[in-house]
């Protein structure tokens, strides 16, 4: 499994990121959203964009139009990460 850095930069300045270790075929963005904001949250893409979207919090079991926006519009970036050096 490879290590990835997933960054969310909200339009307006707020930025959040995390490291994810996952297999090549995994949905890295979903894993990062759930790691940062919780299992009830998901990423929704802006129509026609492959970098912009928004995090929503589910009200029920499945995503619905009543779900609560958890972030403003944001740009997501996924890139390979290196392990942090260990301090002895």
N, C-alpha and C. Protein backbone atom coordinates (compact mmCIF):
# COMPACT_ATOMS: atom_id res chain seq x y z
N UNK A 1 0.83 -1.18 0.00
CA UNK A 1 0.00 0.00 0.00
C UNK A 1 0.88 1.24 0.00
N UNK A 2 0.46 2.21 -0.76
CA UNK A 2 1.22 3.45 -0.90
C UNK A 2 0.69 4.53 0.04
N UNK A 3 1.53 5.51 0.30
CA UNK A 3 1.17 6.64 1.15
C UNK A 3 0.86 7.84 0.27
N UNK A 4 -0.28 8.50 0.54
CA UNK A 4 -0.72 9.66 -0.24
C UNK A 4 -1.01 10.82 0.68
N UNK A 5 -0.81 12.03 0.17
CA UNK A 5 -1.19 13.25 0.86
C UNK A 5 -2.40 13.81 0.14
N UNK A 6 -3.50 13.97 0.88
CA UNK A 6 -4.73 14.51 0.30
C UNK A 6 -4.96 15.88 0.95
N UNK A 7 -5.08 16.93 0.11
CA UNK A 7 -5.26 18.30 0.59
C UNK A 7 -6.58 18.85 0.09
N UNK A 8 -7.27 19.55 0.98
CA UNK A 8 -8.51 20.25 0.65
C UNK A 8 -8.27 21.73 0.91
N UNK A 9 -8.35 22.57 -0.13
CA UNK A 9 -8.16 24.01 0.01
C UNK A 9 -9.48 24.68 -0.29
N UNK A 10 -10.13 25.17 0.77
CA UNK A 10 -11.42 25.82 0.62
C UNK A 10 -11.24 27.17 -0.06
N UNK A 11 -12.15 27.51 -0.97
CA UNK A 11 -12.08 28.81 -1.65
C UNK A 11 -12.33 29.89 -0.61
N UNK A 12 -11.31 30.63 -0.30
CA UNK A 12 -11.41 31.63 0.76
C UNK A 12 -10.30 31.48 1.78
N UNK A 13 -9.51 30.41 1.68
CA UNK A 13 -8.32 30.34 2.51
C UNK A 13 -8.13 29.12 3.39
N UNK A 14 -9.20 28.51 3.94
CA UNK A 14 -9.03 27.39 4.86
C UNK A 14 -8.44 26.20 4.13
N UNK A 15 -7.48 25.52 4.75
CA UNK A 15 -6.84 24.36 4.14
C UNK A 15 -6.71 23.24 5.17
N UNK A 16 -6.99 22.03 4.72
CA UNK A 16 -6.89 20.86 5.59
C UNK A 16 -6.26 19.74 4.78
N UNK A 17 -5.42 18.93 5.42
CA UNK A 17 -4.81 17.81 4.71
C UNK A 17 -4.57 16.65 5.64
N UNK A 18 -4.41 15.48 5.04
CA UNK A 18 -4.09 14.29 5.82
C UNK A 18 -3.32 13.31 4.95
N UNK A 19 -2.68 12.38 5.61
CA UNK A 19 -1.97 11.30 4.92
C UNK A 19 -2.83 10.05 4.98
N UNK A 20 -2.88 9.37 3.84
CA UNK A 20 -3.69 8.14 3.72
C UNK A 20 -2.80 7.04 3.18
N UNK A 21 -2.83 5.90 3.81
CA UNK A 21 -2.16 4.72 3.27
C UNK A 21 -3.25 3.81 2.74
N UNK A 22 -3.24 3.61 1.42
CA UNK A 22 -4.31 2.81 0.80
C UNK A 22 -3.79 2.14 -0.47
N UNK A 23 -4.49 1.11 -0.89
CA UNK A 23 -4.15 0.39 -2.11
C UNK A 23 -4.40 1.29 -3.32
N UNK A 24 -3.80 0.95 -4.44
CA UNK A 24 -3.89 1.76 -5.66
C UNK A 24 -5.33 1.96 -6.12
N UNK A 25 -6.21 0.99 -5.98
CA UNK A 25 -7.58 1.10 -6.47
C UNK A 25 -8.56 1.73 -5.49
N UNK A 26 -8.09 2.15 -4.33
CA UNK A 26 -8.98 2.69 -3.29
C UNK A 26 -9.47 4.09 -3.66
N UNK A 27 -10.57 4.51 -3.05
CA UNK A 27 -11.09 5.86 -3.22
C UNK A 27 -10.44 6.75 -2.16
N UNK A 28 -9.30 7.33 -2.51
CA UNK A 28 -8.49 8.08 -1.55
C UNK A 28 -9.20 9.31 -1.01
N UNK A 29 -9.98 9.97 -1.84
CA UNK A 29 -10.66 11.19 -1.41
C UNK A 29 -11.73 10.85 -0.37
N UNK A 30 -12.50 9.80 -0.60
CA UNK A 30 -13.51 9.37 0.38
C UNK A 30 -12.85 8.99 1.70
N UNK A 31 -11.75 8.25 1.64
CA UNK A 31 -11.04 7.87 2.86
C UNK A 31 -10.55 9.10 3.62
N UNK A 32 -10.02 10.09 2.89
CA UNK A 32 -9.53 11.32 3.54
C UNK A 32 -10.66 12.12 4.16
N UNK A 33 -11.78 12.25 3.45
CA UNK A 33 -12.94 12.99 3.98
C UNK A 33 -13.42 12.34 5.27
N UNK A 34 -13.53 11.02 5.28
CA UNK A 34 -14.02 10.32 6.47
C UNK A 34 -13.00 10.37 7.61
N UNK A 35 -11.72 10.40 7.29
CA UNK A 35 -10.69 10.51 8.34
C UNK A 35 -10.73 11.90 8.99
N UNK A 36 -10.93 12.95 8.18
CA UNK A 36 -10.90 14.32 8.70
C UNK A 36 -12.24 14.71 9.34
N UNK A 37 -13.36 14.47 8.64
CA UNK A 37 -14.65 14.99 9.08
C UNK A 37 -15.60 13.93 9.66
N UNK A 38 -15.26 12.65 9.57
CA UNK A 38 -16.09 11.62 10.15
C UNK A 38 -16.76 10.73 9.11
N UNK A 39 -17.20 9.56 9.55
CA UNK A 39 -17.76 8.54 8.65
C UNK A 39 -19.06 8.97 7.99
N UNK A 40 -19.78 9.92 8.57
CA UNK A 40 -21.05 10.36 8.01
C UNK A 40 -20.87 11.39 6.89
N UNK A 41 -19.64 11.78 6.57
CA UNK A 41 -19.38 12.81 5.56
C UNK A 41 -18.92 12.19 4.24
N UNK A 42 -19.17 12.93 3.16
CA UNK A 42 -18.78 12.47 1.83
C UNK A 42 -18.43 13.66 0.95
N UNK A 43 -17.71 13.40 -0.14
CA UNK A 43 -17.28 14.41 -1.09
C UNK A 43 -18.23 14.42 -2.27
N UNK A 44 -18.65 15.59 -2.70
CA UNK A 44 -19.50 15.75 -3.87
C UNK A 44 -18.79 16.66 -4.86
N UNK A 45 -18.59 16.18 -6.09
CA UNK A 45 -17.88 16.93 -7.11
C UNK A 45 -18.74 18.03 -7.69
N UNK A 46 -18.11 19.15 -8.07
CA UNK A 46 -18.77 20.20 -8.84
C UNK A 46 -18.94 19.64 -10.24
N UNK A 47 -20.11 19.83 -10.81
CA UNK A 47 -20.40 19.32 -12.15
C UNK A 47 -19.37 19.84 -13.15
N UNK A 48 -18.74 18.92 -13.87
CA UNK A 48 -17.76 19.27 -14.89
C UNK A 48 -16.36 19.52 -14.39
N UNK A 49 -16.11 19.36 -13.10
CA UNK A 49 -14.77 19.61 -12.54
C UNK A 49 -14.15 18.30 -12.07
N UNK A 50 -12.84 18.21 -12.20
CA UNK A 50 -12.14 17.05 -11.65
C UNK A 50 -11.27 17.42 -10.46
N UNK A 51 -11.42 18.67 -9.96
CA UNK A 51 -10.65 19.11 -8.79
C UNK A 51 -11.50 19.78 -7.71
N UNK A 52 -12.68 20.28 -8.05
CA UNK A 52 -13.47 21.06 -7.09
C UNK A 52 -14.71 20.30 -6.61
N UNK A 53 -15.07 20.56 -5.37
CA UNK A 53 -16.25 19.94 -4.79
C UNK A 53 -16.53 20.49 -3.41
N UNK A 54 -17.28 19.71 -2.65
CA UNK A 54 -17.71 20.14 -1.32
C UNK A 54 -17.93 18.92 -0.45
N UNK A 55 -17.65 19.05 0.85
CA UNK A 55 -17.91 17.98 1.81
C UNK A 55 -19.30 18.19 2.40
N UNK A 56 -20.10 17.13 2.39
CA UNK A 56 -21.44 17.15 2.98
C UNK A 56 -21.51 16.15 4.12
N UNK A 57 -22.39 16.42 5.06
CA UNK A 57 -22.68 15.49 6.16
C UNK A 57 -24.06 14.89 5.91
N UNK A 58 -24.11 13.55 5.84
CA UNK A 58 -25.38 12.87 5.60
C UNK A 58 -26.33 13.05 6.77
N UNK A 59 -27.62 13.26 6.43
CA UNK A 59 -28.66 13.35 7.45
C UNK A 59 -29.17 11.96 7.77
N UNK A 60 -29.30 11.10 6.74
CA UNK A 60 -29.76 9.73 6.92
C UNK A 60 -28.68 8.74 6.53
N UNK A 61 -29.11 7.57 6.10
CA UNK A 61 -28.16 6.52 5.72
C UNK A 61 -27.52 6.77 4.36
N UNK A 62 -28.27 7.33 3.42
CA UNK A 62 -27.80 7.57 2.06
C UNK A 62 -27.74 9.07 1.79
N UNK A 63 -26.87 9.51 0.86
CA UNK A 63 -26.84 10.93 0.50
C UNK A 63 -28.18 11.40 -0.07
N UNK A 64 -28.65 12.56 0.37
CA UNK A 64 -29.90 13.14 -0.10
C UNK A 64 -29.72 14.65 -0.30
N UNK A 65 -30.67 15.33 -0.96
CA UNK A 65 -30.57 16.78 -1.11
C UNK A 65 -30.67 17.54 0.22
N UNK A 66 -31.13 16.88 1.28
CA UNK A 66 -31.25 17.52 2.60
C UNK A 66 -29.95 17.49 3.40
N UNK A 67 -28.89 16.86 2.85
CA UNK A 67 -27.63 16.77 3.56
C UNK A 67 -27.04 18.15 3.82
N UNK A 68 -26.28 18.27 4.89
CA UNK A 68 -25.76 19.54 5.36
C UNK A 68 -24.36 19.79 4.78
N UNK A 69 -24.15 20.95 4.10
CA UNK A 69 -22.80 21.27 3.64
C UNK A 69 -21.87 21.43 4.84
N UNK A 70 -20.77 20.70 4.82
CA UNK A 70 -19.83 20.74 5.94
C UNK A 70 -18.67 21.68 5.65
N UNK A 71 -18.42 21.96 4.36
CA UNK A 71 -17.38 22.91 3.95
C UNK A 71 -17.94 23.80 2.85
N UNK A 72 -17.21 24.85 2.55
CA UNK A 72 -17.52 25.63 1.36
C UNK A 72 -16.93 24.90 0.15
N UNK A 73 -17.01 25.53 -1.02
CA UNK A 73 -16.41 24.92 -2.20
C UNK A 73 -14.91 24.83 -1.99
N UNK A 74 -14.34 23.70 -2.37
CA UNK A 74 -12.92 23.45 -2.13
C UNK A 74 -12.29 22.75 -3.32
N UNK A 75 -10.98 22.87 -3.41
CA UNK A 75 -10.20 22.16 -4.41
C UNK A 75 -9.45 21.05 -3.70
N UNK A 76 -9.51 19.85 -4.27
CA UNK A 76 -8.83 18.71 -3.67
C UNK A 76 -7.60 18.36 -4.50
N UNK A 77 -6.54 17.97 -3.81
CA UNK A 77 -5.31 17.56 -4.48
C UNK A 77 -4.83 16.25 -3.84
N UNK A 78 -4.48 15.30 -4.68
CA UNK A 78 -3.98 14.00 -4.24
C UNK A 78 -2.61 13.81 -4.84
N UNK A 79 -1.62 13.54 -3.97
CA UNK A 79 -0.27 13.29 -4.48
C UNK A 79 0.44 12.28 -3.60
N UNK A 80 1.42 11.58 -4.15
CA UNK A 80 2.19 10.64 -3.35
C UNK A 80 2.91 11.37 -2.21
N UNK A 81 3.03 10.70 -1.10
CA UNK A 81 3.70 11.31 0.07
C UNK A 81 4.88 10.45 0.49
N UNK A 82 5.78 11.07 1.20
CA UNK A 82 6.92 10.34 1.76
C UNK A 82 6.71 10.19 3.25
N UNK A 83 7.27 9.13 3.77
CA UNK A 83 7.20 8.94 5.23
C UNK A 83 7.99 10.03 5.92
N UNK A 84 7.51 10.43 7.08
CA UNK A 84 8.24 11.40 7.88
C UNK A 84 9.46 10.73 8.48
N UNK A 85 10.58 11.43 8.57
CA UNK A 85 11.75 10.83 9.20
C UNK A 85 11.46 10.58 10.69
N UNK A 86 11.95 9.48 11.17
CA UNK A 86 11.77 9.15 12.59
C UNK A 86 12.82 9.88 13.42
N UNK A 87 12.38 10.41 14.53
CA UNK A 87 13.33 11.05 15.44
C UNK A 87 13.67 10.07 16.55
N UNK A 88 14.93 9.91 16.77
CA UNK A 88 15.39 8.95 17.80
C UNK A 88 15.66 9.62 19.11
